[in-house]
Amino acid sequence: MTSTQLAVVLGGSVAGTLAARVLSEHYDQVVVVDRDEVLGVAGPRRGAPHTAHAHGLHARGQIILDRLFPAMMDDLRTMGIPVGDLGEMRWYFNAKLIQPARTGLLSITAQRPVLEDYLRTQVAKLPNVDYRERTELLGLLASPGNERITGVRLQERADGAEPYELPADLVVDATGRGSRLPVWLEELGYDRPAEDRMKIGLTYTTRLYRSRPEMFDGVQSINPVASPAYPRGAFFGQVGEKECIVSLTGILGDHPPTDEEGFLEYARTLPVPDVYEGIKDAEPLTDPVSFQFPASVRRRYERLTRFPDRLLVIGDAICSFNPVYGQGMTVAAMEAMALSRQLRREPVPDARTFLRAVGRVVNQPWDISTSGDLDFPGVQGERPLKVRMGNAYMAKLQAAATRDASLTDAFMRVAGLIDPPTALMKPKVMAKVLRGSQAAAQAEAQAAS
């Protein structure tokens, strides 16, 4: 244990919980602050409405969490949480089924609040971690010259509660997409971070159903992924022993309806019948609920030349990704490991060093998601040659993967943030893509003639 005594983590979702987990190894006390009641809460809450919708913890995220929580996989299986191979799910790209592949990469398709509750429960058991629930963050405390953050100003959400100050040796902002840190930095005399935005106008509409064996025919989930030719998509997966989830997606203002008839009709318009056939006579467990995600946002903290000491930022407070790519929880886990590495080198981490490290973590998933979004003609943004060529190549790879399971394996390693996208450009992979895409195009032409 170091001489640094108290770390405060602002936000109790996945990013904040993982930050608290790694900080607990280096600080005498870790306090997690959240405006909601979070402990023992395994359902959607006001401060995290997106958690009602389909989520997956894939590949690299699963590997990291398995390291941080060694009993997790056994515990989740005991709880009836589906765990399976990422490549053996039923994936449709451009309305074509790619070949299943045993990749060895695991995917956990728990309901997000259930997984969050498990992680928080494990972290809250640590003797030096304390959760302060139903507590508002009013602002940051700083040294006289504002060079260093010295704590936070809080107030319990209870009648008659008075604001109070909590001194801290380190403060971590994990308050998510709505983080007020850019405003507070400006008030302290610092520049606000520049923002990159990718407007996508995404809407999720989600409903839970009682699952039946025939819905999935032995697979964990069925995912017709949206594409420019078929912009409506869905995620249809098992989330428990008796529950399954359907999240319908629409972009650029196409909103999947929340009434029962409209929800089913939208599912019927998907380019493959699997989802509609699975739910048309199924027993619903919840009413449809929608969540709108107007834009992916990346705050470029790593580019700031001045930043207060003893303050870090993590999770969606730095970068909020288009959720259809399933990157958010995994990137939060990768950022937590970056924090862990820096804490081993310096118990009081240098803020700018950490923010640059997190910037490097975010680069690859940000490029993957924004390049994929720019494949849709209605999405505004520059399309340099690299993006245009990359999207054209991905379309060929996905076509070739309908015939070659090794390409499914290679694709899932990149999608799961195990390998960089350049792994798909290796000569042997490119040769398979060119041969397979040509064969797929010829077969499609013959079928149409």
Protein backbone atom coordinates (compact mmCIF):
# COMPACT_ATOMS: atom_id res chain seq x y z
CA MET A 1 0.00 0.00 0.00
CA THR A 2 1.27 3.45 -0.87
CA SER A 3 1.24 6.66 1.14
CA THR A 4 -1.57 7.95 -1.06
CA GLN A 5 -4.67 7.37 1.03
CA LEU A 6 -7.98 8.05 -0.74
CA ALA A 7 -9.16 7.79 -4.34
CA VAL A 8 -12.62 8.96 -5.37
CA VAL A 9 -14.31 7.46 -8.44
CA LEU A 10 -17.21 9.47 -9.84
CA GLY A 11 -19.73 7.08 -11.40
CA GLY A 12 -20.63 3.50 -10.57
CA SER A 13 -21.23 1.94 -13.98
CA VAL A 14 -18.78 -0.45 -15.64
CA ALA A 15 -15.95 2.05 -16.18
CA GLY A 16 -16.13 3.39 -12.63
CA THR A 17 -16.44 -0.04 -11.09
CA LEU A 18 -13.41 -1.35 -12.98
CA ALA A 19 -11.43 1.76 -12.05
CA ALA A 20 -12.32 1.17 -8.39
CA ARG A 21 -11.22 -2.46 -8.72
CA VAL A 22 -7.70 -1.59 -9.91
CA LEU A 23 -7.38 1.40 -7.55
CA SER A 24 -8.19 -0.86 -4.60
CA GLU A 25 -4.78 -2.50 -5.05
CA HIS A 26 -2.94 0.79 -4.57
CA TYR A 27 -5.01 3.02 -2.25
CA ASP A 28 -5.99 2.62 1.38
CA GLN A 29 -9.55 3.67 0.58
CA VAL A 30 -11.57 3.97 -2.62
CA VAL A 31 -14.93 5.78 -2.62
CA VAL A 32 -17.32 5.32 -5.54
CA VAL A 33 -19.94 8.07 -5.86
CA ASP A 34 -23.14 7.71 -7.89
CA ARG A 35 -26.33 9.77 -7.99
CA ASP A 36 -28.44 6.61 -8.29
CA GLU A 37 -28.94 3.68 -5.98
CA VAL A 38 -26.65 1.10 -7.57
CA LEU A 39 -25.82 -1.71 -5.14
CA GLY A 40 -28.13 -4.67 -5.56
CA VAL A 41 -29.77 -3.05 -8.59
CA ALA A 42 -29.98 -5.54 -11.47
CA GLY A 43 -32.36 -3.56 -13.68
CA PRO A 44 -32.22 -0.35 -15.73
CA ARG A 45 -31.89 2.84 -13.70
CA ARG A 46 -32.47 6.51 -14.38
CA GLY A 47 -28.81 7.39 -14.76
CA ALA A 48 -28.14 4.59 -17.27
CA PRO A 49 -31.18 4.15 -19.54
CA HIS A 50 -29.08 2.53 -22.27
CA THR A 51 -28.57 -0.53 -20.08
CA ALA A 52 -32.07 -1.78 -20.97
CA HIS A 53 -30.84 -2.68 -24.45
CA ALA A 54 -28.79 -5.53 -25.86
CA HIS A 55 -25.17 -5.60 -24.75
CA GLY A 56 -22.35 -8.06 -25.10
CA LEU A 57 -19.03 -8.40 -23.39
CA HIS A 58 -16.86 -9.79 -26.14
CA ALA A 59 -13.39 -11.25 -26.56
CA ARG A 60 -10.80 -8.86 -25.10
CA GLY A 61 -13.23 -7.43 -22.57
CA GLN A 62 -14.07 -10.91 -21.32
CA ILE A 63 -10.39 -11.79 -21.04
CA ILE A 64 -9.63 -8.68 -18.97
CA LEU A 65 -12.60 -9.11 -16.64
CA ASP A 66 -11.72 -12.77 -16.17
CA ARG A 67 -8.30 -11.58 -14.96
CA LEU A 68 -9.76 -8.97 -12.61
CA PHE A 69 -12.52 -11.28 -11.31
CA PRO A 70 -11.14 -14.86 -11.42
CA ALA A 71 -14.41 -16.48 -10.31
CA MET A 72 -16.55 -14.51 -12.78
CA MET A 73 -17.02 -17.08 -15.53
CA ASP A 74 -18.01 -19.87 -13.14
CA ASP A 75 -20.31 -17.49 -11.26
CA LEU A 76 -22.05 -16.28 -14.41
CA ARG A 77 -22.59 -19.80 -15.70
CA THR A 78 -24.06 -20.75 -12.30
CA MET A 79 -26.41 -17.76 -12.64
CA GLY A 80 -27.60 -19.09 -16.01
CA ILE A 81 -25.91 -16.32 -18.01
CA PRO A 82 -25.22 -17.40 -21.60
CA VAL A 83 -21.55 -17.67 -22.49
CA GLY A 84 -20.47 -18.82 -25.93
CA ASP A 85 -18.04 -18.48 -28.79
CA LEU A 86 -18.23 -15.11 -30.53
CA GLY A 87 -17.79 -16.70 -33.94
CA GLU A 88 -20.48 -19.34 -33.45
CA MET A 89 -23.29 -16.84 -33.16
CA ARG A 90 -25.49 -16.41 -36.22
CA TRP A 91 -24.14 -13.27 -37.91
CA TYR A 92 -25.70 -11.74 -41.01
CA PHE A 93 -23.85 -9.06 -42.97
CA ASN A 94 -25.54 -7.52 -46.01
CA ALA A 95 -28.35 -10.02 -45.35
CA LYS A 96 -25.94 -12.94 -45.90
CA LEU A 97 -25.06 -15.50 -43.23
CA ILE A 98 -21.33 -15.78 -42.65
CA GLN A 99 -19.84 -19.16 -41.82
CA PRO A 100 -19.69 -19.94 -38.11
CA ALA A 101 -16.20 -20.37 -36.68
CA ARG A 102 -14.89 -21.68 -33.38
CA THR A 103 -12.66 -18.75 -32.49
CA GLY A 104 -12.00 -19.49 -28.83
CA LEU A 105 -13.16 -15.93 -28.09
CA LEU A 106 -15.94 -15.86 -25.54
CA SER A 107 -18.98 -13.60 -25.54
CA ILE A 108 -21.14 -12.94 -22.48
CA THR A 109 -24.67 -11.88 -23.40
CA ALA A 110 -26.02 -11.05 -19.97
CA GLN A 111 -28.43 -8.18 -19.60
CA ARG A 112 -26.18 -5.19 -18.96
CA PRO A 113 -27.69 -4.35 -15.52
CA VAL A 114 -27.20 -7.97 -14.41
CA LEU A 115 -23.53 -7.95 -15.38
CA GLU A 116 -23.03 -4.51 -13.80
CA ASP A 117 -24.66 -5.71 -10.59
CA TYR A 118 -22.33 -8.70 -10.46
CA LEU A 119 -19.23 -6.55 -10.95
CA ARG A 120 -20.33 -3.92 -8.41
CA THR A 121 -21.15 -6.62 -5.87
CA GLN A 122 -17.66 -8.06 -6.17
CA VAL A 123 -15.97 -4.66 -5.90
CA ALA A 124 -18.18 -3.58 -2.98
CA LYS A 125 -16.99 -6.66 -1.07
CA LEU A 126 -13.43 -5.35 -1.09
CA PRO A 127 -12.61 -4.09 2.42
CA ASN A 128 -11.24 -0.74 1.23
CA VAL A 129 -14.02 0.16 -1.25
CA ASP A 130 -17.06 2.19 -0.21
CA TYR A 131 -20.03 3.11 -2.42
CA ARG A 132 -21.83 6.39 -1.72
CA GLU A 133 -25.14 6.03 -3.48
CA ARG A 134 -27.84 8.63 -4.15
CA THR A 135 -25.18 11.32 -3.93
CA GLU A 136 -24.90 14.29 -6.28
CA LEU A 137 -21.57 15.56 -7.52
CA LEU A 138 -21.62 19.34 -7.13
CA GLY A 139 -18.10 20.12 -8.29
CA LEU A 140 -14.37 19.66 -7.90
CA LEU A 141 -12.11 21.04 -5.19
CA ALA A 142 -8.77 22.48 -6.27
CA SER A 143 -5.59 23.85 -4.77
CA PRO A 144 -5.23 27.68 -4.53
CA GLY A 145 -3.66 27.92 -8.00
CA ASN A 146 -5.95 25.24 -9.50
CA GLU A 147 -2.92 23.15 -10.47
CA ARG A 148 -4.15 20.17 -8.48
CA ILE A 149 -7.55 18.63 -7.75
CA THR A 150 -7.87 18.07 -4.03
CA GLY A 151 -11.31 16.46 -3.73
CA VAL A 152 -14.97 16.78 -4.60
CA ARG A 153 -18.05 18.58 -3.32
CA LEU A 154 -21.01 16.26 -2.76
CA GLN A 155 -24.57 16.26 -1.48
CA GLU A 156 -26.76 13.31 -0.57
CA ARG A 157 -30.07 13.12 -2.39
CA ALA A 158 -32.17 13.31 0.75
CA ASP A 159 -34.40 15.94 2.28
CA GLY A 160 -32.41 18.34 4.39
CA ALA A 161 -29.02 17.04 3.27
CA GLU A 162 -26.25 19.64 3.27
CA PRO A 163 -23.39 19.85 0.77
CA TYR A 164 -20.08 18.59 2.07
CA GLU A 165 -16.49 18.28 0.90
CA LEU A 166 -14.60 15.02 0.48
CA PRO A 167 -10.82 15.53 0.25
CA ALA A 168 -9.05 13.05 -2.04
CA ASP A 169 -5.57 12.20 -3.23
CA LEU A 170 -6.94 11.20 -6.64
CA VAL A 171 -10.24 11.82 -8.45
CA VAL A 172 -11.39 9.73 -11.42
CA ASP A 173 -14.21 11.00 -13.64
CA ALA A 174 -16.26 8.02 -14.82
CA THR A 175 -19.55 9.94 -15.03
CA GLY A 176 -20.14 8.93 -18.62
CA ARG A 177 -21.33 10.72 -21.70
CA GLY A 178 -22.89 13.55 -19.68
CA SER A 179 -19.67 14.41 -17.85
CA ARG A 180 -19.50 18.07 -16.78
CA LEU A 181 -15.72 18.02 -16.63
CA PRO A 182 -15.18 20.17 -19.78
CA VAL A 183 -17.17 22.99 -18.14
CA TRP A 184 -15.38 22.62 -14.81
CA LEU A 185 -11.99 22.65 -16.52
CA GLU A 186 -12.88 25.94 -18.17
CA GLU A 187 -13.97 27.37 -14.82
CA LEU A 188 -10.58 26.36 -13.37
CA GLY A 189 -8.74 28.18 -16.15
CA TYR A 190 -8.01 25.24 -18.44
CA ASP A 191 -9.00 24.65 -22.04
CA ARG A 192 -11.95 22.42 -22.81
CA PRO A 193 -10.99 19.34 -24.82
CA ALA A 194 -11.76 19.38 -28.53
CA GLU A 195 -14.57 17.03 -29.52
CA ASP A 196 -14.94 14.69 -32.49
CA ARG A 197 -18.56 13.90 -33.35
CA MET A 198 -20.10 11.34 -35.68
CA LYS A 199 -23.83 11.99 -36.02
CA ILE A 200 -25.69 8.74 -36.63
CA GLY A 201 -29.20 9.30 -35.26
CA LEU A 202 -29.37 5.76 -33.85
CA THR A 203 -32.46 4.47 -32.07
CA TYR A 204 -32.69 1.19 -30.18
CA THR A 205 -36.08 -0.28 -29.32
CA THR A 206 -35.91 -3.31 -27.04
CA ARG A 207 -38.21 -5.92 -25.61
CA LEU A 208 -37.66 -9.02 -23.50
CA TYR A 209 -39.43 -12.29 -24.34
CA ARG A 210 -39.70 -15.70 -22.75
CA SER A 211 -37.31 -17.84 -24.74
CA ARG A 212 -38.10 -21.16 -26.38
CA PRO A 213 -35.50 -23.67 -27.66
CA GLU A 214 -36.69 -23.42 -31.25
CA MET A 215 -36.04 -19.67 -31.35
CA PHE A 216 -32.27 -20.08 -31.56
CA ASP A 217 -31.73 -23.64 -32.79
CA GLY A 218 -28.66 -24.06 -30.59
CA VAL A 219 -27.01 -20.67 -31.14
CA GLN A 220 -26.54 -17.99 -28.50
CA SER A 221 -27.75 -15.06 -30.58
CA ILE A 222 -28.92 -14.05 -34.05
CA ASN A 223 -27.59 -10.75 -35.34
CA PRO A 224 -28.65 -9.25 -38.67
CA VAL A 225 -26.22 -6.33 -38.76
CA ALA A 226 -27.34 -3.11 -40.45
CA SER A 227 -25.62 -2.20 -43.71
CA PRO A 228 -26.08 0.56 -46.31
CA ALA A 229 -28.25 -1.75 -48.41
CA TYR A 230 -30.23 -2.93 -45.37
CA PRO A 231 -30.06 -0.14 -42.77
CA ARG A 232 -32.42 -1.80 -40.30
CA GLY A 233 -30.72 -4.20 -37.91
CA ALA A 234 -31.34 -6.25 -34.78
CA PHE A 235 -29.72 -8.14 -31.95
CA PHE A 236 -31.74 -11.18 -30.85
CA GLY A 237 -30.09 -13.17 -28.12
CA GLN A 238 -30.43 -15.26 -25.02
CA VAL A 239 -29.77 -13.33 -21.82
CA GLY A 240 -30.78 -15.91 -19.21
CA GLU A 241 -32.11 -19.41 -18.82
CA LYS A 242 -35.64 -18.36 -19.75
CA GLU A 243 -35.28 -14.84 -21.18
CA CYS A 244 -34.19 -13.48 -24.51
CA ILE A 245 -33.81 -9.93 -25.75
CA VAL A 246 -34.67 -8.25 -29.03
CA SER A 247 -33.11 -4.88 -29.78
CA LEU A 248 -34.22 -3.41 -33.11
CA THR A 249 -32.02 -0.66 -34.53
CA GLY A 250 -32.61 2.18 -36.93
CA ILE A 251 -30.34 5.04 -37.95
CA LEU A 252 -30.67 8.57 -39.28
CA GLY A 253 -34.11 9.10 -37.80
CA ASP A 254 -35.59 5.65 -38.51
CA HIS A 255 -37.14 4.84 -35.13
CA PRO A 256 -38.26 1.28 -34.36
CA PRO A 257 -41.74 1.69 -32.82
CA THR A 258 -42.63 1.05 -29.20
CA ASP A 259 -46.19 -0.21 -29.79
CA GLU A 260 -46.59 -3.98 -30.07
CA GLU A 261 -47.92 -4.06 -33.62
CA GLY A 262 -45.33 -1.58 -34.89
CA PHE A 263 -42.50 -3.43 -33.13
CA LEU A 264 -43.42 -6.71 -34.81
CA GLU A 265 -43.90 -5.05 -38.18
CA TYR A 266 -40.45 -3.45 -37.95
CA ALA A 267 -38.97 -6.88 -37.15
CA ARG A 268 -40.79 -8.28 -40.18
CA THR A 269 -39.06 -5.72 -42.42
CA LEU A 270 -35.59 -6.94 -41.49
CA PRO A 271 -33.71 -8.48 -44.43
CA VAL A 272 -33.72 -11.94 -42.82
CA PRO A 273 -36.76 -13.64 -41.26
CA ASP A 274 -35.14 -15.17 -38.17
CA VAL A 275 -36.02 -12.44 -35.68
CA TYR A 276 -39.63 -11.98 -36.74
CA GLU A 277 -40.25 -15.73 -36.91
CA GLY A 278 -38.76 -16.11 -33.45
CA ILE A 279 -40.92 -13.50 -31.73
CA LYS A 280 -44.17 -13.28 -33.69
CA ASP A 281 -45.91 -15.75 -31.36
CA ALA A 282 -43.59 -15.37 -28.35
CA GLU A 283 -44.63 -14.32 -24.86
CA PRO A 284 -43.40 -10.78 -24.13
CA LEU A 285 -41.98 -10.11 -20.68
CA THR A 286 -41.66 -6.32 -20.99
CA ASP A 287 -43.08 -3.50 -23.05
CA PRO A 288 -40.89 -2.13 -25.85
CA VAL A 289 -38.66 0.73 -24.73
CA SER A 290 -36.56 3.07 -26.90
CA PHE A 291 -33.22 4.77 -26.43
CA GLN A 292 -31.84 7.41 -28.79
CA PHE A 293 -28.14 7.85 -29.44
CA PRO A 294 -27.65 10.91 -31.62
CA ALA A 295 -23.89 10.81 -32.10
CA SER A 296 -20.66 9.13 -31.17
CA VAL A 297 -18.51 11.61 -29.23
CA ARG A 298 -14.79 11.57 -28.49
CA ARG A 299 -13.28 14.18 -26.18
CA ARG A 300 -9.63 14.72 -27.04
CA TYR A 301 -8.22 15.05 -23.54
CA GLU A 302 -4.95 13.55 -24.74
CA ARG A 303 -4.29 16.67 -26.84
CA LEU A 304 -4.50 19.16 -23.98
CA THR A 305 -1.19 20.80 -23.09
CA ARG A 306 -2.34 21.66 -19.55
CA PHE A 307 -4.39 19.51 -17.19
CA PRO A 308 -4.76 19.55 -13.40
CA ASP A 309 -2.83 17.00 -11.36
CA ARG A 310 -4.59 14.22 -9.43
CA LEU A 311 -7.48 14.07 -11.93
CA LEU A 312 -8.12 11.25 -14.41
CA VAL A 313 -10.91 10.55 -16.92
CA ILE A 314 -12.14 7.14 -18.06
CA GLY A 315 -14.95 5.42 -19.97
CA ASP A 316 -17.71 7.24 -21.83
CA ALA A 317 -16.56 10.51 -20.27
CA ILE A 318 -13.71 10.26 -22.79
CA CYS A 319 -15.34 8.43 -25.68
CA SER A 320 -18.92 7.29 -26.24
CA PHE A 321 -19.08 4.83 -29.16
CA ASN A 322 -21.93 3.86 -31.45
CA PRO A 323 -23.27 0.96 -29.35
CA VAL A 324 -24.03 -1.34 -32.28
CA TYR A 325 -20.32 -2.20 -32.42
CA GLY A 326 -20.36 -3.58 -28.88
CA GLN A 327 -17.13 -1.81 -27.89
CA GLY A 328 -18.02 0.24 -24.82
CA MET A 329 -17.51 -2.25 -21.99
CA THR A 330 -14.42 -3.74 -23.59
CA VAL A 331 -12.80 -0.33 -24.08
CA ALA A 332 -13.59 0.53 -20.44
CA ALA A 333 -11.83 -2.68 -19.42
CA MET A 334 -8.82 -1.81 -21.59
CA GLU A 335 -8.66 1.65 -20.02
CA ALA A 336 -8.79 0.11 -16.54
CA MET A 337 -5.78 -2.02 -17.45
CA ALA A 338 -3.97 1.09 -18.70
CA LEU A 339 -4.66 2.62 -15.28
CA SER A 340 -3.39 -0.50 -13.56
CA ARG A 341 -0.14 -0.42 -15.54
CA GLN A 342 0.46 3.23 -14.69
CA LEU A 343 -0.33 2.73 -11.00
CA ARG A 344 2.34 0.04 -10.85
CA ARG A 345 4.87 2.57 -12.18
CA GLU A 346 3.71 5.58 -10.17
CA PRO A 347 1.11 5.32 -7.35
CA VAL A 348 0.10 8.92 -8.00
CA PRO A 349 -0.42 8.71 -11.76
CA ASP A 350 0.53 11.64 -13.95
CA ALA A 351 -2.73 12.83 -15.50
CA ARG A 352 -1.44 13.76 -18.94
CA THR A 353 0.55 10.50 -19.25
CA PHE A 354 -2.59 8.54 -18.44
CA LEU A 355 -4.78 10.54 -20.83
CA ARG A 356 -2.32 9.92 -23.65
CA ALA A 357 -2.35 6.20 -22.84
CA VAL A 358 -6.15 6.14 -22.92
CA GLY A 359 -6.09 8.04 -26.20
CA ARG A 360 -4.04 5.21 -27.68
CA VAL A 361 -6.54 2.67 -26.31
CA VAL A 362 -9.43 4.53 -27.93
CA ASN A 363 -7.81 5.05 -31.35
CA GLN A 364 -8.48 1.63 -32.85
CA PRO A 365 -12.10 1.12 -31.75
CA TRP A 366 -12.94 4.73 -32.67
CA ASP A 367 -11.54 4.22 -36.17
CA ILE A 368 -13.44 0.94 -36.56
CA SER A 369 -16.81 2.37 -35.54
CA THR A 370 -16.59 5.73 -37.30
CA SER A 371 -15.29 4.19 -40.53
CA GLY A 372 -18.15 1.70 -40.44
CA ASP A 373 -20.66 4.52 -39.86
CA LEU A 374 -19.28 6.44 -42.84
CA ASP A 375 -20.21 3.50 -45.04
CA PHE A 376 -23.81 4.77 -44.75
CA PRO A 377 -24.31 7.53 -47.34
CA GLY A 378 -26.55 9.61 -45.07
CA VAL A 379 -23.93 9.91 -42.34
CA GLN A 380 -22.10 13.23 -42.61
CA GLY A 381 -18.32 13.30 -42.50
CA GLU A 382 -15.19 13.25 -44.58
CA ARG A 383 -14.45 10.01 -46.38
CA PRO A 384 -10.74 9.89 -47.16
CA LEU A 385 -9.39 7.22 -49.49
CA LYS A 386 -8.38 5.06 -46.52
CA VAL A 387 -11.99 4.93 -45.27
CA ARG A 388 -13.49 4.29 -48.72
CA MET A 389 -11.01 1.53 -49.51
CA GLY A 390 -11.38 0.02 -46.05
CA ASN A 391 -15.17 -0.17 -46.30
CA ALA A 392 -15.00 -1.66 -49.80
CA TYR A 393 -12.56 -4.28 -48.57
CA MET A 394 -14.73 -5.09 -45.53
CA ALA A 395 -17.70 -5.70 -47.81
CA LYS A 396 -15.60 -8.18 -49.81
CA LEU A 397 -14.33 -9.86 -46.64
CA GLN A 398 -17.86 -10.29 -45.31
CA ALA A 399 -18.98 -11.74 -48.64
CA ALA A 400 -16.04 -14.15 -48.64
CA ALA A 401 -16.79 -15.12 -45.03
CA THR A 402 -20.10 -16.57 -46.22
CA ARG A 403 -17.95 -19.34 -47.71
CA ASP A 404 -14.81 -19.44 -45.52
CA ALA A 405 -14.94 -19.84 -41.73
CA SER A 406 -11.29 -18.82 -41.37
CA LEU A 407 -12.29 -15.33 -42.50
CA THR A 408 -15.03 -15.26 -39.89
CA ASP A 409 -12.37 -16.10 -37.32
CA ALA A 410 -10.08 -13.32 -38.55
CA PHE A 411 -12.94 -10.80 -38.63
CA MET A 412 -14.10 -11.65 -35.09
CA ARG A 413 -10.59 -11.23 -33.72
CA VAL A 414 -10.62 -7.65 -35.01
CA ALA A 415 -14.23 -6.95 -33.98
CA GLY A 416 -13.42 -8.35 -30.52
CA LEU A 417 -10.44 -5.95 -30.25
CA ILE A 418 -7.93 -8.79 -30.04
CA ASP A 419 -6.15 -8.04 -33.33
CA PRO A 420 -5.69 -4.68 -35.10
CA PRO A 421 -7.52 -4.11 -38.41
CA THR A 422 -4.19 -4.47 -40.23
CA ALA A 423 -4.37 -8.20 -39.43
CA LEU A 424 -7.07 -8.44 -42.12
CA MET A 425 -4.60 -7.08 -44.68
CA LYS A 426 -2.09 -9.89 -44.42
CA PRO A 427 -1.33 -11.41 -47.86
CA LYS A 428 -2.86 -14.83 -47.05
CA VAL A 429 -6.03 -13.20 -45.72
CA MET A 430 -6.30 -10.84 -48.70
CA ALA A 431 -5.93 -13.74 -51.13
CA LYS A 432 -8.78 -15.59 -49.42
CA VAL A 433 -10.91 -12.44 -49.47
CA LEU A 434 -10.42 -11.85 -53.18
CA ARG A 435 -11.06 -15.49 -54.13
CA GLY A 436 -14.01 -15.87 -51.78
CA SER A 437 -15.71 -12.59 -52.73
CA GLN A 438 -15.42 -13.39 -56.43
CA ALA A 439 -16.89 -16.84 -55.87
CA ALA A 440 -19.72 -15.38 -53.78
CA ALA A 441 -20.50 -12.79 -56.46
CA GLN A 442 -20.53 -15.43 -59.18
CA ALA A 443 -22.82 -17.67 -57.16
CA GLU A 444 -25.20 -14.76 -56.52
CA ALA A 445 -25.23 -13.86 -60.22
CA GLN A 446 -25.99 -17.44 -61.19
CA ALA A 447 -28.80 -17.65 -58.64
CA ALA A 448 -30.32 -14.44 -60.01
CA SER A 449 -30.15 -15.58 -63.66
